[in-house]
Amino acid sequence: MKPIVTIFSRSTCHLCDVAFATLEELQGEMEFSLEKKLIDGDLELERQYGEQVPVILINGAMHDFFRVDPARFRNSISRLHQ
């Protein structure tokens, strides 16, 4: 089963755009589903993630925030495929 990677983002967040682009590049070399969820206007998500976006989850578990470390990400996804 393909891992599901979720990025919580804001519509005007440069770090979010960079992180999403990095994840799209990694998706070209690894198998995972990628979904982007904007927290703008969702009071619960803004409370939960507002100061940390972008927030990256793998299969619902917190993986990273602010930036994507490609080596760390590859390692995490690879472990799920074992």
PDB file of N, CA and C in Angstrom:
ATOM      1  N   MET A   1       0.843  -1.188   0.000  1.00  0.00           N
ATOM      2  CA  MET A   1       0.000   0.000   0.000  1.00  0.00           C
ATOM      3  C   MET A   1       0.888   1.251   0.000  1.00  0.00           C
ATOM      4  N   LYS A   2       0.548   2.215  -0.849  1.00  0.00           N
ATOM      5  CA  LYS A   2       1.329   3.443  -0.940  1.00  0.00           C
ATOM      6  C   LYS A   2       1.163   4.288   0.320  1.00  0.00           C
ATOM      7  N   PRO A   3       2.281   4.791   0.866  1.00  0.00           N
ATOM      8  CA  PRO A   3       2.169   5.738   1.980  1.00  0.00           C
ATOM      9  C   PRO A   3       1.434   6.998   1.524  1.00  0.00           C
ATOM     10  N   ILE A   4       0.749   7.624   2.457  1.00  0.00           N
ATOM     11  CA  ILE A   4       0.046   8.872   2.183  1.00  0.00           C
ATOM     12  C   ILE A   4       0.799   9.994   2.894  1.00  0.00           C
ATOM     13  N   VAL A   5       1.253  10.955   2.109  1.00  0.00           N
ATOM     14  CA  VAL A   5       1.965  12.108   2.645  1.00  0.00           C
ATOM     15  C   VAL A   5       1.024  13.304   2.557  1.00  0.00           C
ATOM     16  N   THR A   6       0.822  13.954   3.697  1.00  0.00           N
ATOM     17  CA  THR A   6      -0.052  15.113   3.774  1.00  0.00           C
ATOM     18  C   THR A   6       0.788  16.316   4.169  1.00  0.00           C
ATOM     19  N   ILE A   7       0.585  17.408   3.460  1.00  0.00           N
ATOM     20  CA  ILE A   7       1.242  18.652   3.839  1.00  0.00           C
ATOM     21  C   ILE A   7       0.164  19.660   4.212  1.00  0.00           C
ATOM     22  N   PHE A   8       0.240  20.173   5.430  1.00  0.00           N
ATOM     23  CA  PHE A   8      -0.650  21.233   5.873  1.00  0.00           C
ATOM     24  C   PHE A   8       0.048  22.544   5.554  1.00  0.00           C
ATOM     25  N   SER A   9      -0.682  23.441   4.886  1.00  0.00           N
ATOM     26  CA  SER A   9      -0.081  24.615   4.285  1.00  0.00           C
ATOM     27  C   SER A   9      -0.999  25.818   4.427  1.00  0.00           C
ATOM     28  N   ARG A  10      -0.456  26.978   4.098  1.00  0.00           N
ATOM     29  CA  ARG A  10      -1.240  28.207   3.973  1.00  0.00           C
ATOM     30  C   ARG A  10      -1.127  28.684   2.528  1.00  0.00           C
ATOM     31  N   SER A  11      -2.098  29.449   2.089  1.00  0.00           N
ATOM     32  CA  SER A  11      -2.119  29.872   0.689  1.00  0.00           C
ATOM     33  C   SER A  11      -1.013  30.865   0.342  1.00  0.00           C
ATOM     34  N   THR A  12      -0.514  31.616   1.288  1.00  0.00           N
ATOM     35  CA  THR A  12       0.535  32.603   1.017  1.00  0.00           C
ATOM     36  C   THR A  12       1.779  32.298   1.846  1.00  0.00           C
ATOM     37  N   CYS A  13       2.265  31.082   1.739  1.00  0.00           N
ATOM     38  CA  CYS A  13       3.394  30.634   2.558  1.00  0.00           C
ATOM     39  C   CYS A  13       4.518  30.159   1.640  1.00  0.00           C
ATOM     40  N   HIS A  14       5.594  30.942   1.569  1.00  0.00           N
ATOM     41  CA  HIS A  14       6.713  30.584   0.694  1.00  0.00           C
ATOM     42  C   HIS A  14       7.349  29.256   1.107  1.00  0.00           C
ATOM     43  N   LEU A  15       7.558  29.042   2.400  1.00  0.00           N
ATOM     44  CA  LEU A  15       8.136  27.767   2.865  1.00  0.00           C
ATOM     45  C   LEU A  15       7.249  26.593   2.477  1.00  0.00           C
ATOM     46  N   CYS A  16       5.944  26.809   2.509  1.00  0.00           N
ATOM     47  CA  CYS A  16       5.001  25.753   2.116  1.00  0.00           C
ATOM     48  C   CYS A  16       5.168  25.406   0.643  1.00  0.00           C
ATOM     49  N   ASP A  17       5.309  26.424  -0.190  1.00  0.00           N
ATOM     50  CA  ASP A  17       5.492  26.195  -1.624  1.00  0.00           C
ATOM     51  C   ASP A  17       6.780  25.421  -1.897  1.00  0.00           C
ATOM     52  N   VAL A  18       7.849  25.790  -1.205  1.00  0.00           N
ATOM     53  CA  VAL A  18       9.134  25.106  -1.376  1.00  0.00           C
ATOM     54  C   VAL A  18       9.019  23.650  -0.916  1.00  0.00           C
ATOM     55  N   ALA A  19       8.391  23.428   0.238  1.00  0.00           N
ATOM     56  CA  ALA A  19       8.235  22.068   0.761  1.00  0.00           C
ATOM     57  C   ALA A  19       7.397  21.211  -0.184  1.00  0.00           C
ATOM     58  N   PHE A  20       6.309  21.768  -0.704  1.00  0.00           N
ATOM     59  CA  PHE A  20       5.453  21.011  -1.623  1.00  0.00           C
ATOM     60  C   PHE A  20       6.216  20.658  -2.897  1.00  0.00           C
ATOM     61  N   ALA A  21       6.990  21.605  -3.422  1.00  0.00           N
ATOM     62  CA  ALA A  21       7.787  21.342  -4.630  1.00  0.00           C
ATOM     63  C   ALA A  21       8.815  20.234  -4.364  1.00  0.00           C
ATOM     64  N   THR A  22       9.416  20.245  -3.188  1.00  0.00           N
ATOM     65  CA  THR A  22      10.378  19.196  -2.819  1.00  0.00           C
ATOM     66  C   THR A  22       9.682  17.845  -2.765  1.00  0.00           C
ATOM     67  N   LEU A  23       8.491  17.802  -2.167  1.00  0.00           N
ATOM     68  CA  LEU A  23       7.742  16.545  -2.090  1.00  0.00           C
ATOM     69  C   LEU A  23       7.344  16.056  -3.481  1.00  0.00           C
ATOM     70  N   GLU A  24       6.969  16.972  -4.371  1.00  0.00           N
ATOM     71  CA  GLU A  24       6.628  16.572  -5.739  1.00  0.00           C
ATOM     72  C   GLU A  24       7.846  15.971  -6.444  1.00  0.00           C
ATOM     73  N   GLU A  25       9.018  16.547  -6.230  1.00  0.00           N
ATOM     74  CA  GLU A  25      10.250  15.994  -6.813  1.00  0.00           C
ATOM     75  C   GLU A  25      10.511  14.592  -6.268  1.00  0.00           C
ATOM     76  N   LEU A  26      10.368  14.440  -4.963  1.00  0.00           N
ATOM     77  CA  LEU A  26      10.601  13.133  -4.337  1.00  0.00           C
ATOM     78  C   LEU A  26       9.586  12.109  -4.814  1.00  0.00           C
ATOM     79  N   GLN A  27       8.380  12.557  -5.117  1.00  0.00           N
ATOM     80  CA  GLN A  27       7.340  11.657  -5.611  1.00  0.00           C
ATOM     81  C   GLN A  27       7.732  11.073  -6.967  1.00  0.00           C
ATOM     82  N   GLY A  28       8.583  11.783  -7.698  1.00  0.00           N
ATOM     83  CA  GLY A  28       9.066  11.282  -8.969  1.00  0.00           C
ATOM     84  C   GLY A  28      10.027  10.112  -8.828  1.00  0.00           C
ATOM     85  N   GLU A  29      10.615   9.956  -7.660  1.00  0.00           N
ATOM     86  CA  GLU A  29      11.569   8.868  -7.443  1.00  0.00           C
ATOM     87  C   GLU A  29      11.081   7.825  -6.442  1.00  0.00           C
ATOM     88  N   MET A  30      10.024   8.126  -5.708  1.00  0.00           N
ATOM     89  CA  MET A  30       9.501   7.193  -4.706  1.00  0.00           C
ATOM     90  C   MET A  30       7.986   7.091  -4.857  1.00  0.00           C
ATOM     91  N   GLU A  31       7.434   5.997  -4.384  1.00  0.00           N
ATOM     92  CA  GLU A  31       5.998   5.786  -4.520  1.00  0.00           C
ATOM     93  C   GLU A  31       5.269   6.186  -3.239  1.00  0.00           C
ATOM     94  N   PHE A  32       4.495   7.283  -3.339  1.00  0.00           N
ATOM     95  CA  PHE A  32       3.626   7.712  -2.244  1.00  0.00           C
ATOM     96  C   PHE A  32       2.564   8.647  -2.812  1.00  0.00           C
ATOM     97  N   SER A  33       1.443   8.720  -2.116  1.00  0.00           N
ATOM     98  CA  SER A  33       0.374   9.659  -2.486  1.00  0.00           C
ATOM     99  C   SER A  33       0.645  10.974  -1.772  1.00  0.00           C
ATOM    100  N   LEU A  34       0.345  12.074  -2.430  1.00  0.00           N
ATOM    101  CA  LEU A  34       0.609  13.395  -1.862  1.00  0.00           C
ATOM    102  C   LEU A  34      -0.676  14.199  -1.854  1.00  0.00           C
ATOM    103  N   GLU A  35      -1.014  14.724  -0.691  1.00  0.00           N
ATOM    104  CA  GLU A  35      -2.193  15.578  -0.588  1.00  0.00           C
ATOM    105  C   GLU A  35      -1.827  16.857   0.168  1.00  0.00           C
ATOM    106  N   LYS A  36      -2.376  17.954  -0.316  1.00  0.00           N
ATOM    107  CA  LYS A  36      -2.127  19.261   0.284  1.00  0.00           C
ATOM    108  C   LYS A  36      -3.414  19.755   0.918  1.00  0.00           C
ATOM    109  N   LYS A  37      -3.317  20.186   2.174  1.00  0.00           N
ATOM    110  CA  LYS A  37      -4.494  20.700   2.873  1.00  0.00           C
ATOM    111  C   LYS A  37      -4.172  22.098   3.376  1.00  0.00           C
ATOM    112  N   LEU A  38      -4.974  23.050   2.935  1.00  0.00           N
ATOM    113  CA  LEU A  38      -4.807  24.423   3.402  1.00  0.00           C
ATOM    114  C   LEU A  38      -5.486  24.583   4.756  1.00  0.00           C
ATOM    115  N   ILE A  39      -4.789  25.242   5.671  1.00  0.00           N
ATOM    116  CA  ILE A  39      -5.364  25.437   7.003  1.00  0.00           C
ATOM    117  C   ILE A  39      -6.091  26.770   7.109  1.00  0.00           C
ATOM    118  N   ASP A  40      -5.954  27.612   6.075  1.00  0.00           N
ATOM    119  CA  ASP A  40      -6.581  28.932   6.073  1.00  0.00           C
ATOM    120  C   ASP A  40      -8.073  28.825   6.366  1.00  0.00           C
ATOM    121  N   GLY A  41      -8.527  29.528   7.394  1.00  0.00           N
ATOM    122  CA  GLY A  41      -9.949  29.570   7.708  1.00  0.00           C
ATOM    123  C   GLY A  41     -10.474  28.409   8.518  1.00  0.00           C
ATOM    124  N   ASP A  42      -9.650  27.392   8.762  1.00  0.00           N
ATOM    125  CA  ASP A  42     -10.060  26.258   9.593  1.00  0.00           C
ATOM    126  C   ASP A  42      -9.474  26.492  10.986  1.00  0.00           C
ATOM    127  N   LEU A  43     -10.316  26.961  11.886  1.00  0.00           N
ATOM    128  CA  LEU A  43      -9.838  27.378  13.207  1.00  0.00           C
ATOM    129  C   LEU A  43      -9.093  26.271  13.949  1.00  0.00           C
ATOM    130  N   GLU A  44      -9.563  25.038  13.845  1.00  0.00           N
ATOM    131  CA  GLU A  44      -8.901  23.923  14.537  1.00  0.00           C
ATOM    132  C   GLU A  44      -7.516  23.657  13.945  1.00  0.00           C
ATOM    133  N   LEU A  45      -7.431  23.608  12.627  1.00  0.00           N
ATOM    134  CA  LEU A  45      -6.134  23.371  11.989  1.00  0.00           C
ATOM    135  C   LEU A  45      -5.189  24.556  12.207  1.00  0.00           C
ATOM    136  N   GLU A  46      -5.707  25.775  12.175  1.00  0.00           N
ATOM    137  CA  GLU A  46      -4.868  26.941  12.449  1.00  0.00           C
ATOM    138  C   GLU A  46      -4.331  26.897  13.877  1.00  0.00           C
ATOM    139  N   ARG A  47      -5.168  26.479  14.814  1.00  0.00           N
ATOM    140  CA  ARG A  47      -4.726  26.362  16.206  1.00  0.00           C
ATOM    141  C   ARG A  47      -3.655  25.281  16.327  1.00  0.00           C
ATOM    142  N   GLN A  48      -3.858  24.182  15.646  1.00  0.00           N
ATOM    143  CA  GLN A  48      -2.961  23.031  15.753  1.00  0.00           C
ATOM    144  C   GLN A  48      -1.631  23.251  15.023  1.00  0.00           C
ATOM    145  N   TYR A  49      -1.679  23.839  13.823  1.00  0.00           N
ATOM    146  CA  TYR A  49      -0.487  23.912  12.975  1.00  0.00           C
ATOM    147  C   TYR A  49      -0.053  25.333  12.605  1.00  0.00           C
ATOM    148  N   GLY A  50      -0.798  26.341  12.998  1.00  0.00           N
ATOM    149  CA  GLY A  50      -0.594  27.703  12.518  1.00  0.00           C
ATOM    150  C   GLY A  50       0.816  28.244  12.568  1.00  0.00           C
ATOM    151  N   GLU A  51       1.566  27.967  13.618  1.00  0.00           N
ATOM    152  CA  GLU A  51       2.909  28.505  13.762  1.00  0.00           C
ATOM    153  C   GLU A  51       3.977  27.610  13.152  1.00  0.00           C
ATOM    154  N   GLN A  52       3.609  26.434  12.658  1.00  0.00           N
ATOM    155  CA  GLN A  52       4.607  25.474  12.194  1.00  0.00           C
ATOM    156  C   GLN A  52       4.548  25.155  10.714  1.00  0.00           C
ATOM    157  N   VAL A  53       3.593  25.707   9.969  1.00  0.00           N
ATOM    158  CA  VAL A  53       3.444  25.310   8.571  1.00  0.00           C
ATOM    159  C   VAL A  53       4.690  25.650   7.773  1.00  0.00           C
ATOM    160  N   PRO A  54       4.998  24.836   6.807  1.00  0.00           N
ATOM    161  CA  PRO A  54       4.303  23.613   6.431  1.00  0.00           C
ATOM    162  C   PRO A  54       4.568  22.485   7.426  1.00  0.00           C
ATOM    163  N   VAL A  55       3.550  21.668   7.616  1.00  0.00           N
ATOM    164  CA  VAL A  55       3.649  20.477   8.466  1.00  0.00           C
ATOM    165  C   VAL A  55       3.452  19.269   7.566  1.00  0.00           C
ATOM    166  N   ILE A  56       4.371  18.308   7.669  1.00  0.00           N
ATOM    167  CA  ILE A  56       4.325  17.123   6.813  1.00  0.00           C
ATOM    168  C   ILE A  56       4.033  15.901   7.664  1.00  0.00           C
ATOM    169  N   LEU A  57       2.999  15.160   7.274  1.00  0.00           N
ATOM    170  CA  LEU A  57       2.636  13.914   7.938  1.00  0.00           C
ATOM    171  C   LEU A  57       2.831  12.769   6.957  1.00  0.00           C
ATOM    172  N   ILE A  58       3.258  11.629   7.483  1.00  0.00           N
ATOM    173  CA  ILE A  58       3.334  10.406   6.680  1.00  0.00           C
ATOM    174  C   ILE A  58       2.395   9.403   7.337  1.00  0.00           C
ATOM    175  N   ASN A  59       1.396   8.978   6.588  1.00  0.00           N
ATOM    176  CA  ASN A  59       0.360   8.067   7.107  1.00  0.00           C
ATOM    177  C   ASN A  59      -0.234   8.596   8.413  1.00  0.00           C
ATOM    178  N   GLY A  60      -0.437   9.902   8.477  1.00  0.00           N
ATOM    179  CA  GLY A  60      -1.080  10.522   9.631  1.00  0.00           C
ATOM    180  C   GLY A  60      -0.174  10.820  10.794  1.00  0.00           C
ATOM    181  N   ALA A  61       1.098  10.434  10.733  1.00  0.00           N
ATOM    182  CA  ALA A  61       2.044  10.677  11.828  1.00  0.00           C
ATOM    183  C   ALA A  61       2.956  11.850  11.461  1.00  0.00           C
ATOM    184  N   MET A  62       3.193  12.706  12.421  1.00  0.00           N
ATOM    185  CA  MET A  62       4.054  13.864  12.201  1.00  0.00           C
ATOM    186  C   MET A  62       5.427  13.427  11.719  1.00  0.00           C
ATOM    187  N   HIS A  63       5.864  14.005  10.618  1.00  0.00           N
ATOM    188  CA  HIS A  63       7.200  13.713  10.093  1.00  0.00           C
ATOM    189  C   HIS A  63       8.115  14.923  10.240  1.00  0.00           C
ATOM    190  N   ASP A  64       7.653  16.083   9.829  1.00  0.00           N
ATOM    191  CA  ASP A  64       8.512  17.261   9.808  1.00  0.00           C
ATOM    192  C   ASP A  64       7.668  18.516   9.748  1.00  0.00           C
ATOM    193  N   PHE A  65       8.317  19.657  10.013  1.00  0.00           N
ATOM    194  CA  PHE A  65       7.664  20.942   9.790  1.00  0.00           C
ATOM    195  C   PHE A  65       8.714  21.952   9.354  1.00  0.00           C
ATOM    196  N   PHE A  66       8.263  23.028   8.750  1.00  0.00           N
ATOM    197  CA  PHE A  66       9.063  24.100   8.154  1.00  0.00           C
ATOM    198  C   PHE A  66       9.754  23.685   6.854  1.00  0.00           C
ATOM    199  N   ARG A  67      10.552  22.612   6.874  1.00  0.00           N
ATOM    200  CA  ARG A  67      11.290  22.192   5.676  1.00  0.00           C
ATOM    201  C   ARG A  67      11.263  20.677   5.548  1.00  0.00           C
ATOM    202  N   VAL A  68      11.480  20.216   4.315  1.00  0.00           N
ATOM    203  CA  VAL A  68      11.589  18.780   4.061  1.00  0.00           C
ATOM    204  C   VAL A  68      13.070  18.453   3.910  1.00  0.00           C
ATOM    205  N   ASP A  69      13.552  17.536   4.731  1.00  0.00           N
ATOM    206  CA  ASP A  69      14.915  17.028   4.597  1.00  0.00           C
ATOM    207  C   ASP A  69      14.818  15.806   3.676  1.00  0.00           C
ATOM    208  N   PRO A  70      15.259  15.935   2.413  1.00  0.00           N
ATOM    209  CA  PRO A  70      15.063  14.843   1.455  1.00  0.00           C
ATOM    210  C   PRO A  70      15.644  13.506   1.916  1.00  0.00           C
ATOM    211  N   ALA A  71      16.822  13.495   2.515  1.00  0.00           N
ATOM    212  CA  ALA A  71      17.427  12.233   2.960  1.00  0.00           C
ATOM    213  C   ALA A  71      16.585  11.590   4.061  1.00  0.00           C
ATOM    214  N   ARG A  72      16.159  12.389   5.008  1.00  0.00           N
ATOM    215  CA  ARG A  72      15.321  11.874   6.109  1.00  0.00           C
ATOM    216  C   ARG A  72      13.980  11.365   5.575  1.00  0.00           C
ATOM    217  N   PHE A  73      13.403  12.118   4.630  1.00  0.00           N
ATOM    218  CA  PHE A  73      12.127  11.730   4.041  1.00  0.00           C
ATOM    219  C   PHE A  73      12.263  10.402   3.295  1.00  0.00           C
ATOM    220  N   ARG A  74      13.307  10.300   2.443  1.00  0.00           N
ATOM    221  CA  ARG A  74      13.533   9.049   1.705  1.00  0.00           C
ATOM    222  C   ARG A  74      13.661   7.866   2.659  1.00  0.00           C
ATOM    223  N   ASN A  75      14.398   8.058   3.734  1.00  0.00           N
ATOM    224  CA  ASN A  75      14.590   6.994   4.728  1.00  0.00           C
ATOM    225  C   ASN A  75      13.247   6.575   5.340  1.00  0.00           C
ATOM    226  N   SER A  76      12.436   7.544   5.691  1.00  0.00           N
ATOM    227  CA  SER A  76      11.130   7.234   6.305  1.00  0.00           C
ATOM    228  C   SER A  76      10.228   6.476   5.338  1.00  0.00           C
ATOM    229  N   ILE A  77      10.165   6.925   4.082  1.00  0.00           N
ATOM    230  CA  ILE A  77       9.322   6.251   3.092  1.00  0.00           C
ATOM    231  C   ILE A  77       9.867   4.857   2.799  1.00  0.00           C
ATOM    232  N   SER A  78      11.172   4.730   2.673  1.00  0.00           N
ATOM    233  CA  SER A  78      11.792   3.415   2.386  1.00  0.00           C
ATOM    234  C   SER A  78      11.465   2.416   3.469  1.00  0.00           C
ATOM    235  N   ARG A  79      11.480   2.837   4.726  1.00  0.00           N
ATOM    236  CA  ARG A  79      11.158   1.907   5.838  1.00  0.00           C
ATOM    237  C   ARG A  79       9.729   1.399   5.722  1.00  0.00           C
ATOM    238  N   LEU A  80       8.823   2.214   5.201  1.00  0.00           N
ATOM    239  CA  LEU A  80       7.430   1.789   5.048  1.00  0.00           C
ATOM    240  C   LEU A  80       7.260   0.773   3.941  1.00  0.00           C
ATOM    241  N   HIS A  81       8.163   0.738   2.992  1.00  0.00           N
ATOM    242  CA  HIS A  81       8.076  -0.196   1.868  1.00  0.00           C
ATOM    243  C   HIS A  81       8.748  -1.529   2.167  1.00  0.00           C
ATOM    244  N   GLN A  82       9.333  -1.668   3.346  1.00  0.00           N
ATOM    245  CA  GLN A  82      10.027  -2.926   3.683  1.00  0.00           C
ATOM    246  C   GLN A  82       9.058  -3.969   4.178  1.00  0.00           C
TER     247      GLN A  82
END
